[in-house]
Amino acid sequence: MKAISAATMSLVITATKALAATEANGTEGMGMLAMFFIGFGVLVVLFQFVPGIMLLTGIVKGLFSRKTEEHEEAGKGKL
C-alpha cells in the first residue's frame, strides 16, 4: 500500500511540475479563452459608454435649455 501511494505521489508531483512549466505545452502568453474573456470585458465597458454619453448630453441639455420662461409663466398663473 505504501508503494502504491508513493508511486502515485511521485507521479502527481512530477506531472504538476511538467504542467506548470511554460515550455511543456509549447505556448507562450495567454490562451484563446483568456483573450475571449478580456475581449468580452472590453465590449461590456464600451457598450456602457453609449448610455453614459446619452445621459450626459441629456443633463447638459437640461442645464442649458431655455425652460426658465415657461416656468415663470406657469408661476404667474397660480398667483
N, C-alpha and C. Protein backbone atom coordinates (compact mmCIF):
# COMPACT_ATOMS: atom_id res chain seq x y z
N MET A 1 0.82 -1.19 0.00
CA MET A 1 0.00 0.00 0.00
C MET A 1 0.87 1.26 0.00
N LYS A 2 1.95 1.21 0.77
CA LYS A 2 2.84 2.36 0.81
C LYS A 2 3.53 2.57 -0.53
N ALA A 3 3.83 1.48 -1.21
CA ALA A 3 4.49 1.59 -2.50
C ALA A 3 3.57 2.23 -3.54
N ILE A 4 2.29 1.86 -3.51
CA ILE A 4 1.33 2.43 -4.47
C ILE A 4 1.13 3.92 -4.20
N SER A 5 0.97 4.29 -2.94
CA SER A 5 0.77 5.71 -2.63
C SER A 5 2.03 6.52 -2.93
N ALA A 6 3.19 5.93 -2.69
CA ALA A 6 4.44 6.64 -3.01
C ALA A 6 4.58 6.81 -4.52
N ALA A 7 4.20 5.81 -5.29
CA ALA A 7 4.28 5.91 -6.74
C ALA A 7 3.31 6.94 -7.29
N THR A 8 2.09 6.96 -6.78
CA THR A 8 1.12 7.95 -7.26
C THR A 8 1.51 9.37 -6.84
N MET A 9 2.06 9.51 -5.65
CA MET A 9 2.51 10.84 -5.22
C MET A 9 3.67 11.34 -6.08
N SER A 10 4.58 10.46 -6.41
CA SER A 10 5.70 10.88 -7.26
C SER A 10 5.22 11.24 -8.67
N LEU A 11 4.21 10.52 -9.18
CA LEU A 11 3.65 10.86 -10.48
C LEU A 11 2.91 12.20 -10.43
N VAL A 12 2.18 12.42 -9.36
CA VAL A 12 1.44 13.67 -9.23
C VAL A 12 2.40 14.85 -9.12
N ILE A 13 3.46 14.68 -8.36
CA ILE A 13 4.42 15.77 -8.18
C ILE A 13 5.12 16.09 -9.49
N THR A 14 5.56 15.08 -10.22
CA THR A 14 6.25 15.34 -11.48
C THR A 14 5.29 15.86 -12.55
N ALA A 15 4.04 15.40 -12.53
CA ALA A 15 3.06 15.86 -13.52
C ALA A 15 2.72 17.32 -13.29
N THR A 16 2.58 17.74 -12.05
CA THR A 16 2.24 19.15 -11.80
C THR A 16 3.41 20.06 -12.17
N LYS A 17 4.61 19.59 -11.96
CA LYS A 17 5.76 20.40 -12.36
C LYS A 17 5.82 20.50 -13.89
N ALA A 18 5.50 19.42 -14.57
CA ALA A 18 5.54 19.44 -16.03
C ALA A 18 4.42 20.31 -16.60
N LEU A 19 3.25 20.30 -15.97
CA LEU A 19 2.15 21.13 -16.47
C LEU A 19 2.35 22.60 -16.14
N ALA A 20 3.07 22.89 -15.08
CA ALA A 20 3.29 24.27 -14.69
C ALA A 20 4.36 24.94 -15.54
N ALA A 21 5.21 24.17 -16.18
CA ALA A 21 6.27 24.74 -16.99
C ALA A 21 5.69 25.30 -18.28
N THR A 22 6.17 26.45 -18.71
CA THR A 22 5.65 27.05 -19.94
C THR A 22 6.16 26.34 -21.18
N GLU A 23 7.30 25.71 -21.07
CA GLU A 23 7.84 25.00 -22.22
C GLU A 23 7.17 23.65 -22.45
N ALA A 24 6.39 23.19 -21.50
CA ALA A 24 5.78 21.87 -21.62
C ALA A 24 4.74 21.83 -22.73
N ASN A 25 3.92 22.87 -22.84
CA ASN A 25 2.88 22.83 -23.86
C ASN A 25 3.26 23.61 -25.12
N GLY A 26 4.36 24.32 -25.09
CA GLY A 26 4.86 24.97 -26.28
C GLY A 26 4.22 26.31 -26.60
N THR A 27 3.35 26.82 -25.74
CA THR A 27 2.74 28.12 -26.00
C THR A 27 3.26 29.13 -25.00
N GLU A 28 3.29 30.36 -25.44
CA GLU A 28 3.70 31.43 -24.55
C GLU A 28 2.58 32.46 -24.50
N GLY A 29 2.45 33.11 -23.40
CA GLY A 29 1.44 34.14 -23.27
C GLY A 29 0.10 33.56 -22.85
N MET A 30 -0.98 34.29 -23.22
CA MET A 30 -2.31 33.89 -22.82
C MET A 30 -2.93 32.96 -23.86
N GLY A 31 -3.86 32.17 -23.39
CA GLY A 31 -4.56 31.27 -24.28
C GLY A 31 -5.74 31.97 -24.94
N MET A 32 -6.41 31.24 -25.79
CA MET A 32 -7.53 31.79 -26.54
C MET A 32 -8.69 32.14 -25.61
N LEU A 33 -8.94 31.32 -24.59
CA LEU A 33 -10.04 31.58 -23.67
C LEU A 33 -9.80 32.85 -22.88
N ALA A 34 -8.57 33.09 -22.47
CA ALA A 34 -8.24 34.33 -21.76
C ALA A 34 -8.43 35.54 -22.66
N MET A 35 -8.08 35.42 -23.91
CA MET A 35 -8.27 36.53 -24.84
C MET A 35 -9.77 36.81 -25.06
N PHE A 36 -10.59 35.77 -25.16
CA PHE A 36 -12.03 35.97 -25.30
C PHE A 36 -12.61 36.64 -24.05
N PHE A 37 -12.13 36.25 -22.88
CA PHE A 37 -12.61 36.84 -21.63
C PHE A 37 -12.27 38.32 -21.56
N ILE A 38 -11.06 38.68 -21.93
CA ILE A 38 -10.65 40.08 -21.91
C ILE A 38 -11.42 40.87 -22.97
N GLY A 39 -11.61 40.27 -24.14
CA GLY A 39 -12.38 40.93 -25.19
C GLY A 39 -13.83 41.16 -24.78
N PHE A 40 -14.42 40.20 -24.09
CA PHE A 40 -15.79 40.35 -23.61
C PHE A 40 -15.87 41.49 -22.59
N GLY A 41 -14.90 41.57 -21.71
CA GLY A 41 -14.87 42.66 -20.73
C GLY A 41 -14.74 44.02 -21.39
N VAL A 42 -13.92 44.10 -22.43
CA VAL A 42 -13.76 45.36 -23.16
C VAL A 42 -15.07 45.74 -23.85
N LEU A 43 -15.76 44.76 -24.43
CA LEU A 43 -17.03 45.05 -25.08
C LEU A 43 -18.08 45.54 -24.09
N VAL A 44 -18.11 44.96 -22.91
CA VAL A 44 -19.06 45.41 -21.89
C VAL A 44 -18.79 46.86 -21.52
N VAL A 45 -17.53 47.21 -21.33
CA VAL A 45 -17.18 48.59 -20.98
C VAL A 45 -17.52 49.54 -22.12
N LEU A 46 -17.24 49.15 -23.35
CA LEU A 46 -17.54 50.02 -24.50
C LEU A 46 -19.04 50.22 -24.67
N PHE A 47 -19.83 49.18 -24.47
CA PHE A 47 -21.27 49.33 -24.61
C PHE A 47 -21.88 50.13 -23.48
N GLN A 48 -21.20 50.27 -22.36
CA GLN A 48 -21.69 51.12 -21.28
C GLN A 48 -21.43 52.59 -21.56
N PHE A 49 -20.53 52.90 -22.48
CA PHE A 49 -20.28 54.29 -22.83
C PHE A 49 -21.46 54.92 -23.56
N VAL A 50 -22.18 54.16 -24.36
CA VAL A 50 -23.28 54.71 -25.15
C VAL A 50 -24.38 55.27 -24.25
N PRO A 51 -24.92 54.52 -23.28
CA PRO A 51 -25.93 55.13 -22.39
C PRO A 51 -25.35 56.24 -21.53
N GLY A 52 -24.08 56.15 -21.17
CA GLY A 52 -23.46 57.19 -20.37
C GLY A 52 -23.36 58.50 -21.13
N ILE A 53 -22.99 58.43 -22.40
CA ILE A 53 -22.90 59.63 -23.22
C ILE A 53 -24.29 60.22 -23.45
N MET A 54 -25.30 59.36 -23.67
CA MET A 54 -26.66 59.85 -23.84
C MET A 54 -27.16 60.54 -22.58
N LEU A 55 -26.87 59.99 -21.42
CA LEU A 55 -27.27 60.60 -20.17
C LEU A 55 -26.56 61.93 -19.95
N LEU A 56 -25.29 61.99 -20.27
CA LEU A 56 -24.53 63.23 -20.12
C LEU A 56 -25.07 64.33 -21.03
N THR A 57 -25.39 63.99 -22.28
CA THR A 57 -25.95 65.00 -23.18
C THR A 57 -27.33 65.46 -22.70
N GLY A 58 -28.12 64.57 -22.15
CA GLY A 58 -29.42 64.96 -21.60
C GLY A 58 -29.28 65.90 -20.42
N ILE A 59 -28.30 65.65 -19.57
CA ILE A 59 -28.07 66.53 -18.43
C ILE A 59 -27.61 67.90 -18.89
N VAL A 60 -26.69 67.92 -19.86
CA VAL A 60 -26.19 69.20 -20.37
C VAL A 60 -27.30 69.98 -21.06
N LYS A 61 -28.14 69.30 -21.83
CA LYS A 61 -29.27 69.97 -22.47
C LYS A 61 -30.23 70.53 -21.43
N GLY A 62 -30.47 69.78 -20.38
CA GLY A 62 -31.36 70.24 -19.32
C GLY A 62 -30.81 71.44 -18.58
N LEU A 63 -29.52 71.50 -18.41
CA LEU A 63 -28.92 72.62 -17.70
C LEU A 63 -28.92 73.90 -18.52
N PHE A 64 -28.69 73.79 -19.81
CA PHE A 64 -28.52 74.97 -20.65
C PHE A 64 -29.73 75.28 -21.53
N SER A 65 -30.86 74.68 -21.28
CA SER A 65 -32.03 74.96 -22.12
C SER A 65 -32.76 76.20 -21.60
N ARG A 66 -33.64 76.73 -22.42
CA ARG A 66 -34.40 77.95 -22.08
C ARG A 66 -35.76 77.57 -21.50
N LYS A 67 -35.78 76.85 -20.43
CA LYS A 67 -37.03 76.46 -19.79
C LYS A 67 -37.46 77.46 -18.73
N THR A 68 -36.66 78.45 -18.42
CA THR A 68 -36.99 79.39 -17.35
C THR A 68 -38.21 80.24 -17.71
N GLU A 69 -38.39 80.58 -18.99
CA GLU A 69 -39.54 81.38 -19.39
C GLU A 69 -40.84 80.61 -19.17
N GLU A 70 -40.85 79.33 -19.49
CA GLU A 70 -42.04 78.51 -19.29
C GLU A 70 -42.36 78.39 -17.80
N HIS A 71 -41.34 78.27 -16.97
CA HIS A 71 -41.55 78.14 -15.54
C HIS A 71 -42.07 79.45 -14.94
N GLU A 72 -41.61 80.58 -15.45
CA GLU A 72 -42.08 81.87 -14.94
C GLU A 72 -43.54 82.10 -15.31
N GLU A 73 -43.95 81.74 -16.52
CA GLU A 73 -45.33 81.89 -16.94
C GLU A 73 -46.25 80.98 -16.14
N ALA A 74 -45.83 79.79 -15.85
CA ALA A 74 -46.64 78.87 -15.07
C ALA A 74 -46.79 79.38 -13.64
N GLY A 75 -45.76 80.02 -13.10
CA GLY A 75 -45.82 80.53 -11.75
C GLY A 75 -46.74 81.74 -11.61
N LYS A 76 -46.83 82.58 -12.66
CA LYS A 76 -47.68 83.77 -12.61
C LYS A 76 -49.16 83.41 -12.63
N GLY A 77 -49.52 82.36 -13.29
CA GLY A 77 -50.93 81.97 -13.37
C GLY A 77 -51.47 81.46 -12.05
N LYS A 78 -50.65 80.99 -11.18
CA LYS A 78 -51.12 80.44 -9.91
C LYS A 78 -51.30 81.51 -8.84
N LEU A 79 -50.72 82.68 -9.03
CA LEU A 79 -50.85 83.73 -8.02
C LEU A 79 -52.18 84.35 -8.13
